[in-house]
Amino acid sequence: MWNVIENIFHLKRPKKLSVRDRRYHAKDRICYKDKVIPLAEYNKRMNTHYTLRDVYGEAYVAALTEEDKALFDPYENMIIVPAHLESDKQFFECKLFAESWLKNDYSSLIDHLDEEIILVVQDKKTVKGKAAFVDYWIDLAIREKNAGILNKLSVVHSNYFGTAALFIFRKSYRPMYLFFSVKEGKITNAIYCALLPVPYPYELSKASCGYEWLPLDLEKITPGTPIQPKANYMLCMRCGKTSEQLLWNELEISSGSKLYKGIVTVCPDCRKVVDFRYETLENISSKGTFSVINISPSDDIEHRPLMMNKTYARSGWRFHQMVMMFMSPTMQKSTDVNSISKALEGTCFRLSPGYKLGLKIAEPGDYLGDNSFFYIYEGNRNCKDWNVFDHLLVEKSEVGAWQAYLMYTSPRIMPAYWHGLYENSKFIFIEDDLRDVPILKNRDFTFFEEDGLLYPTASFIDSDTAQVECTYWNDWKGLVRETVRISFSGDRVTKITTINTKALLDYHCGIYY
């Protein structure tokens, strides 16, 4: 009877997690239809406005730490204000603006704005005057609310400017940054930009170096000719000069086999670099040039013969496409492994006669995690053999070894639950695949390619043992080069062993399950 009453009660309000479940999930999670979801997602689905205080109570919210809040759903309207940044310049203005924007009430901010304040919306427009400044943010808040956009606002530190800035993270939209320039207690200038000025503060939270900055070594930069200044770009945060008042110069950056073109802007009074960026294929394509890089390589590979020169790239894409299709219930009932092999360059493996291939999809449960993987069955799906290679006939060749590797690693590209997500990977078959990983965009991996560390290879080290090397991206390991040995006995694979993993780029997404 109590369960019935409780279920009726929670039909129109979120249900809190049990004390045990709270140990394994972020502190903003609630229970909805036997699923654990963020409270922000619940509010969006149900068009409600519940807070954690409504669900768990005052004591629960008071006990939340900064670490707890950092794991909150990034699309909930919230502000993260690290205490250690309180001494930063512009910290107070960033915090005050964030509070005003989320409440859509600028009464407490208005006295901190200069009468002639200038707001630059990068590459779009310049807004001048206190009233126009406030009107812009009110209008933006209305448009984002109508579009269902939720913001996570974080006060962060800019190493380059040595001041606080506002980082605005939005679901399905590019993140934005907001910088303020303050004189005599008044905000005189602001820049609202998607790309940060100069390469140094790309990671605002800490001083660090990334591969995307390797082409920016000073010795590789060749100064170019002065160019006409442009409006609505980065302004000098020291003196407030607009982008039209800065000195603009072209430059060239040589890096291995690639040549980048870039632009640098300098304040003539402060003698400080204001903006520094170089063109990448991604930036060029957004202007309508080389738009072919926006095409998914797996969709039109037949029309791109140069891409097909990568020996194993085509078969890898096709196999991964077929694996994703195979997760459909219809495909599971009507498809066996032979349809998977049709995606590959030749039919180098097949099932033993009478056997079929099934797929077990990861499911949530009381355990720590779950993965998806193939299994073999004969007539009755209830009798499953999880060792697929016991029933696969594989051609003893380099291509056969490559296809066996694809089957062996297939669980990494399929759905996973909780701890099972640690193994999810994005395999790198050609350079285009690097652009699908946000962390790797715009980075120069020429040196890895020249050393043969980027693309798949397969070879025999003796008459019965093949060695496959492949690179993949994992959110908890980074960019990894994996070496696997595959042992054959006739047309059977008897053993698959990972003998080496080399981190080409260390990375950890910061999420723990």
Protein backbone atom coordinates (compact mmCIF):
# COMPACT_ATOMS: atom_id res chain seq x y z
CA MET A 1 0.00 0.00 0.00
CA TRP A 2 2.82 2.38 0.91
CA ASN A 3 4.55 1.70 -2.44
CA VAL A 4 1.36 2.59 -4.29
CA ILE A 5 1.02 5.87 -2.38
CA GLU A 6 4.70 6.68 -2.93
CA ASN A 7 4.47 6.02 -6.68
CA ILE A 8 1.39 8.25 -6.97
CA PHE A 9 3.18 10.97 -5.01
CA HIS A 10 6.17 10.86 -7.36
CA LEU A 11 4.15 10.92 -10.57
CA LYS A 12 4.49 14.71 -10.69
CA ARG A 13 7.66 15.33 -8.69
CA PRO A 14 11.19 13.92 -8.72
CA LYS A 15 12.07 10.97 -6.53
CA LYS A 16 15.27 11.09 -4.52
CA LEU A 17 17.88 8.36 -4.73
CA SER A 18 18.41 5.96 -1.88
CA VAL A 19 21.33 6.64 0.46
CA ARG A 20 23.20 3.69 -1.07
CA ASP A 21 22.73 4.87 -4.66
CA ARG A 22 23.89 8.39 -3.82
CA ARG A 23 27.38 7.02 -3.20
CA TYR A 24 27.70 6.05 -6.87
CA HIS A 25 26.14 9.05 -8.64
CA ALA A 26 26.64 12.81 -8.86
CA LYS A 27 24.80 14.72 -6.16
CA ASP A 28 22.29 16.31 -8.56
CA ARG A 29 20.84 12.96 -9.69
CA ILE A 30 17.27 11.83 -9.01
CA CYS A 31 15.23 8.75 -9.86
CA TYR A 32 12.73 8.92 -12.73
CA LYS A 33 10.93 5.82 -14.05
CA ASP A 34 13.63 3.55 -12.60
CA LYS A 35 16.34 5.58 -14.30
CA VAL A 36 18.94 7.84 -12.72
CA ILE A 37 18.94 11.25 -14.42
CA PRO A 38 20.07 14.80 -13.54
CA LEU A 39 17.47 17.01 -11.91
CA ALA A 40 17.98 19.52 -14.74
CA GLU A 41 16.97 16.89 -17.28
CA TYR A 42 13.87 16.03 -15.22
CA ASN A 43 12.85 19.69 -15.09
CA LYS A 44 13.29 20.02 -18.83
CA ARG A 45 11.22 16.90 -19.58
CA MET A 46 8.42 17.76 -17.16
CA ASN A 47 8.55 21.56 -17.56
CA THR A 48 9.06 21.97 -13.80
CA HIS A 49 11.44 24.01 -11.67
CA TYR A 50 12.39 21.76 -8.75
CA THR A 51 15.66 22.41 -6.93
CA LEU A 52 17.86 20.04 -4.97
CA ARG A 53 16.55 21.74 -1.85
CA ASP A 54 12.99 20.71 -2.83
CA VAL A 55 14.03 17.08 -3.35
CA TYR A 56 16.62 16.42 -0.64
CA GLY A 57 16.23 19.24 1.86
CA GLU A 58 18.26 22.13 3.24
CA ALA A 59 20.87 20.00 5.05
CA TYR A 60 21.69 18.06 1.87
CA VAL A 61 22.34 21.24 -0.14
CA ALA A 62 24.39 22.82 2.66
CA ALA A 63 26.68 19.77 2.75
CA LEU A 64 27.54 19.94 -0.97
CA THR A 65 31.22 20.63 -1.69
CA GLU A 66 32.78 22.39 -4.68
CA GLU A 67 33.86 18.96 -5.93
CA ASP A 68 30.25 17.76 -5.76
CA LYS A 69 29.02 20.79 -7.70
CA ALA A 70 31.69 20.32 -10.37
CA LEU A 71 30.06 16.98 -11.26
CA PHE A 72 26.59 18.45 -11.63
CA ASP A 73 24.87 18.21 -14.97
CA PRO A 74 26.53 20.92 -17.09
CA TYR A 75 23.26 22.10 -18.61
CA GLU A 76 21.50 23.14 -15.42
CA ASN A 77 21.19 26.87 -14.83
CA MET A 78 23.79 27.26 -12.12
CA ILE A 79 26.93 29.20 -11.17
CA ILE A 80 30.23 27.70 -10.05
CA VAL A 81 32.35 30.22 -8.13
CA PRO A 82 35.69 28.83 -6.86
CA ALA A 83 36.64 30.46 -3.55
CA HIS A 84 40.34 30.63 -4.46
CA LEU A 85 39.60 33.15 -7.25
CA GLU A 86 38.08 35.77 -4.95
CA SER A 87 41.29 37.82 -5.02
CA ASP A 88 41.33 37.93 -8.84
CA LYS A 89 40.67 41.18 -10.66
CA GLN A 90 37.16 41.32 -12.12
CA PHE A 91 36.05 38.42 -9.86
CA PHE A 92 33.28 40.48 -8.27
CA GLU A 93 32.04 41.74 -11.65
CA CYS A 94 31.97 38.21 -13.14
CA LYS A 95 30.03 36.82 -10.19
CA LEU A 96 27.61 39.75 -10.09
CA PHE A 97 26.94 39.53 -13.82
CA ALA A 98 26.35 35.74 -13.66
CA GLU A 99 23.82 36.14 -10.86
CA SER A 100 22.05 38.95 -12.72
CA TRP A 101 21.89 37.03 -16.00
CA LEU A 102 20.43 33.85 -14.53
CA LYS A 103 17.81 35.86 -12.61
CA ASN A 104 17.27 38.14 -15.63
CA ASP A 105 17.40 41.02 -13.16
CA TYR A 106 20.13 43.64 -13.69
CA SER A 107 19.12 46.08 -10.96
CA SER A 108 22.15 45.18 -8.81
CA LEU A 109 24.52 45.32 -11.80
CA ILE A 110 23.41 48.58 -13.38
CA ASP A 111 25.35 50.80 -10.94
CA HIS A 112 28.59 48.97 -11.82
CA LEU A 113 28.33 49.77 -15.54
CA ASP A 114 30.05 52.75 -17.13
CA GLU A 115 27.67 55.06 -19.03
CA GLU A 116 29.69 54.52 -22.24
CA ILE A 117 30.32 50.78 -21.76
CA ILE A 118 31.31 48.89 -24.92
CA LEU A 119 30.30 45.24 -25.45
CA VAL A 120 31.91 43.40 -28.37
CA VAL A 121 30.07 40.29 -29.53
CA GLN A 122 32.93 38.71 -31.42
CA ASP A 123 32.61 38.63 -35.21
CA LYS A 124 29.01 39.95 -34.99
CA LYS A 125 28.45 43.42 -33.57
CA THR A 126 29.46 46.07 -31.05
CA VAL A 127 26.98 47.36 -28.47
CA LYS A 128 27.57 50.78 -26.89
CA GLY A 129 25.95 52.33 -23.83
CA LYS A 130 24.57 51.08 -20.51
CA ALA A 131 20.98 50.64 -21.70
CA ALA A 132 22.00 48.80 -24.88
CA PHE A 133 24.29 46.52 -22.85
CA VAL A 134 21.46 45.43 -20.53
CA ASP A 135 18.98 45.09 -23.42
CA TYR A 136 21.36 42.75 -25.25
CA TRP A 137 21.54 40.29 -22.36
CA ILE A 138 17.79 40.45 -21.66
CA ASP A 139 17.07 39.68 -25.32
CA LEU A 140 19.65 36.86 -25.36
CA ALA A 141 18.14 35.31 -22.22
CA ILE A 142 14.67 35.33 -23.82
CA ARG A 143 15.96 33.73 -27.03
CA GLU A 144 17.85 31.03 -25.14
CA LYS A 145 14.87 30.30 -22.91
CA ASN A 146 12.62 29.88 -25.97
CA ALA A 147 15.22 27.56 -27.49
CA GLY A 148 15.42 25.50 -24.29
CA ILE A 149 19.08 26.34 -23.69
CA LEU A 150 20.35 25.90 -20.14
CA ASN A 151 23.63 27.42 -19.02
CA LYS A 152 26.35 26.47 -16.61
CA LEU A 153 28.32 29.56 -15.64
CA SER A 154 31.79 29.22 -14.13
CA VAL A 155 34.09 31.95 -12.88
CA VAL A 156 37.54 30.94 -14.13
CA HIS A 157 41.05 32.38 -14.25
CA SER A 158 42.75 33.66 -17.40
CA ASN A 159 46.49 33.10 -17.21
CA TYR A 160 47.22 35.52 -20.02
CA PHE A 161 45.28 38.49 -18.67
CA GLY A 162 45.74 37.55 -15.01
CA THR A 163 42.07 38.23 -14.32
CA ALA A 164 38.84 36.37 -13.70
CA ALA A 165 36.57 35.58 -16.65
CA LEU A 166 33.19 33.97 -17.09
CA PHE A 167 32.98 30.60 -18.86
CA ILE A 168 29.50 29.80 -20.23
CA PHE A 169 28.82 26.15 -21.08
CA ARG A 170 25.66 25.38 -23.05
CA LYS A 171 24.19 22.10 -24.27
CA SER A 172 24.48 21.53 -28.03
CA TYR A 173 26.03 24.97 -28.51
CA ARG A 174 29.62 26.13 -28.48
CA PRO A 175 30.91 27.39 -25.12
CA MET A 176 31.44 31.12 -24.72
CA TYR A 177 33.71 33.37 -22.66
CA LEU A 178 33.00 36.81 -21.21
CA PHE A 179 35.84 39.18 -20.23
CA PHE A 180 35.45 42.49 -18.42
CA SER A 181 37.67 45.56 -18.25
CA VAL A 182 37.12 47.62 -15.07
CA LYS A 183 38.25 51.17 -14.30
CA GLU A 184 37.48 53.03 -11.08
CA GLY A 185 34.91 50.44 -10.08
CA LYS A 186 32.99 50.60 -13.37
CA ILE A 187 32.85 48.02 -16.18
CA THR A 188 34.04 49.95 -19.23
CA ASN A 189 34.52 47.15 -21.78
CA ALA A 190 33.38 43.58 -22.28
CA ILE A 191 34.11 40.94 -24.92
CA TYR A 192 31.76 37.99 -25.53
CA CYS A 193 33.70 35.44 -27.56
CA ALA A 194 33.73 31.78 -28.52
CA LEU A 195 37.47 31.64 -29.19
CA LEU A 196 39.85 32.90 -26.58
CA PRO A 197 42.45 35.50 -27.49
CA VAL A 198 46.01 34.23 -28.00
CA PRO A 199 46.86 30.56 -27.53
CA TYR A 200 48.00 30.79 -23.92
CA PRO A 201 44.72 30.80 -21.99
CA TYR A 202 43.00 28.04 -23.96
CA GLU A 203 42.87 26.15 -20.67
CA LEU A 204 41.85 28.84 -18.24
CA SER A 205 41.99 26.80 -15.06
CA LYS A 206 45.72 26.06 -15.14
CA ALA A 207 48.90 26.86 -16.99
CA SER A 208 49.52 24.03 -19.43
CA CYS A 209 50.65 23.20 -22.92
CA GLY A 210 48.86 21.22 -25.58
CA TYR A 211 49.73 19.79 -28.96
CA GLU A 212 47.72 22.47 -30.74
CA TRP A 213 50.38 24.97 -29.69
CA LEU A 214 53.34 23.11 -31.16
CA PRO A 215 53.05 25.00 -34.47
CA LEU A 216 53.25 28.27 -32.55
CA ASP A 217 56.95 28.10 -31.65
CA LEU A 218 58.31 31.62 -32.16
CA GLU A 219 61.21 30.42 -34.29
CA LYS A 220 58.73 29.00 -36.82
CA ILE A 221 56.72 32.21 -37.18
CA THR A 222 57.40 34.47 -40.17
CA PRO A 223 55.95 38.02 -39.87
CA GLY A 224 53.71 39.10 -42.72
CA THR A 225 52.38 42.35 -44.06
CA PRO A 226 50.09 44.75 -42.17
CA ILE A 227 46.40 44.31 -42.94
CA GLN A 228 43.28 46.40 -42.52
CA PRO A 229 41.82 46.18 -38.98
CA LYS A 230 38.41 44.54 -38.60
CA ALA A 231 35.50 45.47 -36.37
CA ASN A 232 33.92 43.30 -33.67
CA TYR A 233 37.03 41.39 -32.65
CA MET A 234 39.07 41.18 -29.46
CA LEU A 235 39.70 44.54 -27.79
CA CYS A 236 42.62 45.45 -25.54
CA MET A 237 41.61 44.52 -22.02
CA ARG A 238 44.15 46.94 -20.53
CA CYS A 239 43.29 50.24 -22.17
CA GLY A 240 40.01 49.41 -23.90
CA LYS A 241 41.08 50.05 -27.50
CA THR A 242 38.67 48.38 -29.93
CA SER A 243 39.85 45.95 -32.61
CA GLU A 244 39.68 48.74 -35.24
CA GLN A 245 42.25 50.72 -33.22
CA LEU A 246 44.78 47.87 -33.00
CA LEU A 247 47.68 46.99 -35.31
CA TRP A 248 46.88 43.93 -37.47
CA ASN A 249 49.50 41.73 -39.16
CA GLU A 250 49.46 38.53 -41.16
CA LEU A 251 51.97 35.79 -40.34
CA GLU A 252 52.95 32.29 -41.44
CA ILE A 253 53.76 29.34 -39.19
CA SER A 254 55.74 26.40 -40.55
CA SER A 255 55.20 23.03 -38.86
CA GLY A 256 56.53 19.90 -40.51
CA SER A 257 54.73 19.28 -43.77
CA LYS A 258 52.04 21.86 -42.99
CA LEU A 259 52.00 25.62 -43.35
CA TYR A 260 49.56 27.63 -41.25
CA LYS A 261 48.53 31.20 -41.92
CA GLY A 262 47.60 33.39 -39.00
CA ILE A 263 46.78 36.86 -37.73
CA VAL A 264 48.17 38.78 -34.78
CA THR A 265 46.80 42.03 -33.33
CA VAL A 266 48.82 44.31 -31.05
CA CYS A 267 47.79 47.32 -28.97
CA PRO A 268 49.93 50.30 -30.12
CA ASP A 269 49.86 51.89 -26.65
CA CYS A 270 50.21 48.88 -24.32
CA ARG A 271 52.55 47.04 -26.75
CA LYS A 272 50.84 43.80 -25.83
CA VAL A 273 49.52 41.05 -28.09
CA VAL A 274 45.74 41.22 -27.95
CA ASP A 275 44.69 38.45 -30.33
CA PHE A 276 46.69 35.66 -31.93
CA ARG A 277 45.16 32.87 -33.96
CA TYR A 278 46.03 30.72 -36.94
CA GLU A 279 43.82 29.23 -39.61
CA THR A 280 42.99 25.54 -39.42
CA LEU A 281 41.05 23.35 -41.83
CA GLU A 282 38.12 23.60 -39.45
CA ASN A 283 38.15 27.40 -39.61
CA ILE A 284 38.68 27.40 -43.36
CA SER A 285 35.78 25.02 -43.96
CA SER A 286 33.42 27.26 -42.01
CA LYS A 287 34.09 29.92 -44.64
CA GLY A 288 33.05 27.64 -47.49
CA THR A 289 36.51 26.42 -48.52
CA PHE A 290 37.52 22.75 -48.45
CA SER A 291 34.01 21.87 -47.27
CA VAL A 292 34.74 18.23 -48.10
CA ILE A 293 36.20 17.77 -44.60
CA ASN A 294 32.71 18.18 -43.18
CA ILE A 295 31.54 15.06 -45.00
CA SER A 296 31.52 11.90 -42.92
CA PRO A 297 34.20 9.61 -44.43
CA SER A 298 32.01 6.56 -43.85
CA ASP A 299 29.17 8.07 -45.92
CA ASP A 300 30.96 8.79 -49.19
CA ILE A 301 34.19 6.81 -49.12
CA GLU A 302 33.52 5.39 -52.61
CA HIS A 303 33.80 8.90 -54.06
CA ARG A 304 37.09 9.68 -52.31
CA PRO A 305 39.72 7.34 -53.81
CA LEU A 306 42.61 9.02 -51.99
CA MET A 307 41.03 8.08 -48.67
CA MET A 308 40.85 4.45 -49.81
CA ASN A 309 44.64 4.29 -50.06
CA LYS A 310 44.73 3.74 -46.29
CA THR A 311 44.87 -0.04 -46.37
CA TYR A 312 42.54 -0.82 -43.48
CA ALA A 313 40.52 2.39 -43.13
CA ARG A 314 37.66 1.43 -45.45
CA SER A 315 37.08 -1.98 -43.89
CA GLY A 316 37.26 -0.48 -40.41
CA TRP A 317 34.58 2.10 -41.17
CA ARG A 318 32.31 -0.45 -42.84
CA PHE A 319 32.65 -2.89 -39.98
CA HIS A 320 31.80 -0.23 -37.38
CA GLN A 321 28.81 0.87 -39.47
CA MET A 322 27.50 -2.69 -39.64
CA VAL A 323 28.02 -3.22 -35.91
CA MET A 324 25.88 -0.18 -35.15
CA MET A 325 23.16 -1.44 -37.53
CA PHE A 326 23.30 -4.88 -35.96
CA MET A 327 22.11 -3.45 -32.65
CA SER A 328 18.63 -3.04 -34.15
CA PRO A 329 16.30 -5.85 -32.93
CA THR A 330 15.27 -6.49 -36.55
CA MET A 331 18.85 -6.93 -37.64
CA GLN A 332 19.56 -9.25 -34.72
CA LYS A 333 16.83 -11.64 -35.85
CA SER A 334 17.67 -11.66 -39.54
CA THR A 335 21.42 -11.12 -39.78
CA ASP A 336 24.38 -13.39 -39.13
CA VAL A 337 28.09 -12.72 -39.21
CA ASN A 338 28.28 -13.09 -43.00
CA SER A 339 26.48 -9.76 -43.40
CA ILE A 340 29.09 -8.20 -41.11
CA SER A 341 31.88 -9.59 -43.28
CA LYS A 342 30.31 -8.06 -46.40
CA ALA A 343 31.32 -4.70 -45.02
CA LEU A 344 34.97 -5.70 -45.21
CA GLU A 345 37.52 -5.96 -48.00
CA GLY A 346 36.78 -9.58 -48.89
CA THR A 347 35.18 -12.33 -46.82
CA CYS A 348 38.08 -13.34 -44.61
CA PHE A 349 35.99 -14.81 -41.80
CA ARG A 350 32.75 -16.73 -41.56
CA LEU A 351 30.80 -18.77 -39.03
CA SER A 352 31.04 -22.51 -38.68
CA PRO A 353 28.03 -24.17 -40.41
CA GLY A 354 24.80 -24.08 -38.36
CA TYR A 355 25.79 -21.22 -36.05
CA LYS A 356 24.46 -17.66 -35.91
CA LEU A 357 25.60 -14.41 -34.39
CA GLY A 358 23.62 -12.57 -31.71
CA LEU A 359 24.24 -9.41 -29.76
CA LYS A 360 23.83 -8.77 -26.05
CA ILE A 361 23.13 -5.08 -25.35
CA ALA A 362 24.42 -3.49 -22.13
CA GLU A 363 21.69 -2.90 -19.55
CA PRO A 364 21.52 -0.98 -16.26
CA GLY A 365 21.27 -3.10 -13.14
CA ASP A 366 22.48 -3.56 -9.58
CA TYR A 367 26.01 -4.38 -10.76
CA LEU A 368 28.88 -1.93 -11.28
CA GLY A 369 28.66 -1.86 -15.06
CA ASP A 370 27.88 -3.70 -18.26
CA ASN A 371 29.10 -3.89 -21.87
CA SER A 372 27.62 -4.98 -25.17
CA PHE A 373 29.18 -7.88 -27.06
CA PHE A 374 28.52 -10.54 -29.67
CA TYR A 375 27.72 -14.16 -28.88
CA ILE A 376 27.22 -17.36 -30.87
CA TYR A 377 24.07 -19.48 -30.77
CA GLU A 378 22.76 -22.55 -32.55
CA GLY A 379 18.98 -22.57 -33.02
CA ASN A 380 18.10 -21.66 -29.43
CA ARG A 381 19.16 -18.19 -28.29
CA ASN A 382 19.05 -19.36 -24.69
CA CYS A 383 22.16 -21.46 -25.34
CA LYS A 384 24.78 -18.77 -25.88
CA ASP A 385 28.52 -19.17 -26.32
CA TRP A 386 30.31 -15.95 -25.46
CA ASN A 387 33.61 -17.03 -27.04
CA VAL A 388 32.91 -15.97 -30.61
CA PHE A 389 36.26 -17.13 -31.97
CA ASP A 390 35.50 -20.75 -31.07
CA HIS A 391 33.04 -20.74 -33.97
CA LEU A 392 34.65 -18.31 -36.42
CA LEU A 393 36.65 -19.47 -39.41
CA VAL A 394 39.25 -16.79 -40.12
CA GLU A 395 41.57 -16.67 -43.11
CA LYS A 396 45.20 -16.66 -42.01
CA SER A 397 46.22 -13.43 -43.70
CA GLU A 398 46.96 -9.85 -42.78
CA VAL A 399 43.44 -8.80 -43.74
CA GLY A 400 42.00 -11.73 -41.79
CA ALA A 401 43.99 -10.68 -38.71
CA TRP A 402 42.73 -7.10 -39.10
CA GLN A 403 39.12 -8.29 -39.30
CA ALA A 404 39.61 -10.50 -36.25
CA TYR A 405 40.94 -7.44 -34.40
CA LEU A 406 37.83 -5.46 -35.39
CA MET A 407 35.59 -8.21 -34.01
CA TYR A 408 37.70 -8.49 -30.85
CA THR A 409 37.50 -4.75 -30.12
CA SER A 410 33.84 -4.30 -31.17
CA PRO A 411 32.54 -4.00 -27.54
CA ARG A 412 34.43 -0.70 -27.27
CA ILE A 413 32.22 1.01 -29.88
CA MET A 414 28.88 -0.34 -28.63
CA PRO A 415 26.59 0.85 -25.81
CA ALA A 416 27.89 0.46 -22.26
CA TYR A 417 26.56 1.10 -18.78
CA TRP A 418 28.30 2.79 -15.84
CA HIS A 419 31.79 1.28 -15.31
CA GLY A 420 31.56 -0.30 -18.75
CA LEU A 421 31.94 3.18 -20.25
CA TYR A 422 35.61 3.21 -19.24
CA GLU A 423 36.38 1.08 -22.33
CA ASN A 424 34.40 3.08 -24.90
CA SER A 425 36.76 4.19 -27.66
CA LYS A 426 36.91 6.08 -30.93
CA PHE A 427 39.21 4.28 -33.38
CA ILE A 428 41.49 6.35 -35.59
CA PHE A 429 41.61 5.03 -39.15
CA ILE A 430 42.63 8.24 -40.97
CA GLU A 431 43.23 11.88 -40.02
CA ASP A 432 39.53 12.74 -40.44
CA ASP A 433 38.73 10.59 -37.41
CA LEU A 434 40.85 12.86 -35.23
CA ARG A 435 38.49 15.75 -35.95
CA ASP A 436 35.57 13.79 -34.52
CA VAL A 437 37.21 14.03 -31.08
CA PRO A 438 36.75 17.59 -29.70
CA ILE A 439 39.97 17.44 -27.64
CA LEU A 440 42.00 16.58 -30.76
CA LYS A 441 40.57 19.23 -33.07
CA ASN A 442 43.14 21.60 -34.63
CA ARG A 443 46.11 19.68 -33.21
CA ASP A 444 49.02 18.81 -35.45
CA PHE A 445 49.80 15.07 -35.44
CA THR A 446 52.11 15.15 -38.45
CA PHE A 447 55.02 13.78 -36.43
CA PHE A 448 52.96 10.74 -35.31
CA GLU A 449 51.94 10.05 -38.90
CA GLU A 450 55.52 10.30 -40.12
CA ASP A 451 56.61 7.82 -37.42
CA GLY A 452 53.89 5.36 -38.44
CA LEU A 453 52.04 5.70 -35.12
CA LEU A 454 48.67 6.98 -36.32
CA TYR A 455 47.03 4.53 -38.73
CA PRO A 456 46.31 0.78 -38.50
CA THR A 457 48.88 -1.80 -39.62
CA ALA A 458 48.86 -5.59 -39.76
CA SER A 459 51.75 -7.99 -40.42
CA PHE A 460 52.94 -11.50 -39.57
CA ILE A 461 55.86 -11.84 -37.17
CA ASP A 462 56.03 -15.61 -37.80
CA SER A 463 54.04 -18.21 -39.77
CA ASP A 464 51.19 -18.42 -37.23
CA THR A 465 51.24 -15.06 -35.40
CA ALA A 466 49.98 -11.74 -36.75
CA GLN A 467 50.56 -8.37 -35.13
CA VAL A 468 47.98 -5.59 -35.45
CA GLU A 469 48.61 -2.01 -34.38
CA CYS A 470 45.82 0.52 -34.12
CA THR A 471 45.32 3.93 -32.50
CA TYR A 472 42.18 4.89 -30.59
CA TRP A 473 40.85 7.69 -28.40
CA ASN A 474 39.53 6.97 -24.91
CA ASP A 475 38.17 9.66 -22.57
CA TRP A 476 40.04 8.15 -19.60
CA LYS A 477 43.32 7.21 -21.32
CA GLY A 478 43.76 9.73 -24.12
CA LEU A 479 45.18 8.92 -27.55
CA VAL A 480 46.56 5.38 -27.34
CA ARG A 481 48.53 3.20 -29.76
CA GLU A 482 47.66 -0.44 -29.13
CA THR A 483 49.63 -3.51 -30.25
CA VAL A 484 47.79 -6.84 -30.36
CA ARG A 485 49.07 -10.28 -31.36
CA ILE A 486 46.73 -12.82 -32.94
CA SER A 487 47.67 -16.51 -32.95
CA PHE A 488 46.32 -18.79 -35.71
CA SER A 489 45.93 -22.55 -35.96
CA GLY A 490 44.76 -23.26 -39.48
CA ASP A 491 41.62 -21.19 -40.03
CA ARG A 492 41.02 -20.65 -36.31
CA VAL A 493 42.09 -17.82 -34.02
CA THR A 494 43.38 -19.48 -30.86
CA LYS A 495 44.58 -16.49 -28.89
CA ILE A 496 44.43 -12.68 -28.94
CA THR A 497 46.78 -10.83 -26.62
CA THR A 498 47.38 -7.12 -26.07
CA ILE A 499 51.14 -6.85 -25.71
CA ASN A 500 51.58 -3.07 -25.55
CA THR A 501 49.66 0.17 -25.13
CA LYS A 502 51.47 3.46 -25.67
CA ALA A 503 49.90 6.78 -24.70
CA LEU A 504 50.53 9.27 -27.52
CA LEU A 505 48.58 11.93 -25.63
CA ASP A 506 47.58 11.50 -21.98
CA TYR A 507 44.09 12.64 -21.05
CA HIS A 508 41.47 12.09 -18.37
CA CYS A 509 37.99 13.54 -18.70
CA GLY A 510 37.65 13.91 -14.92
CA ILE A 511 34.57 11.69 -14.64
CA TYR A 512 34.63 8.76 -12.22
CA TYR A 513 31.98 6.05 -12.09
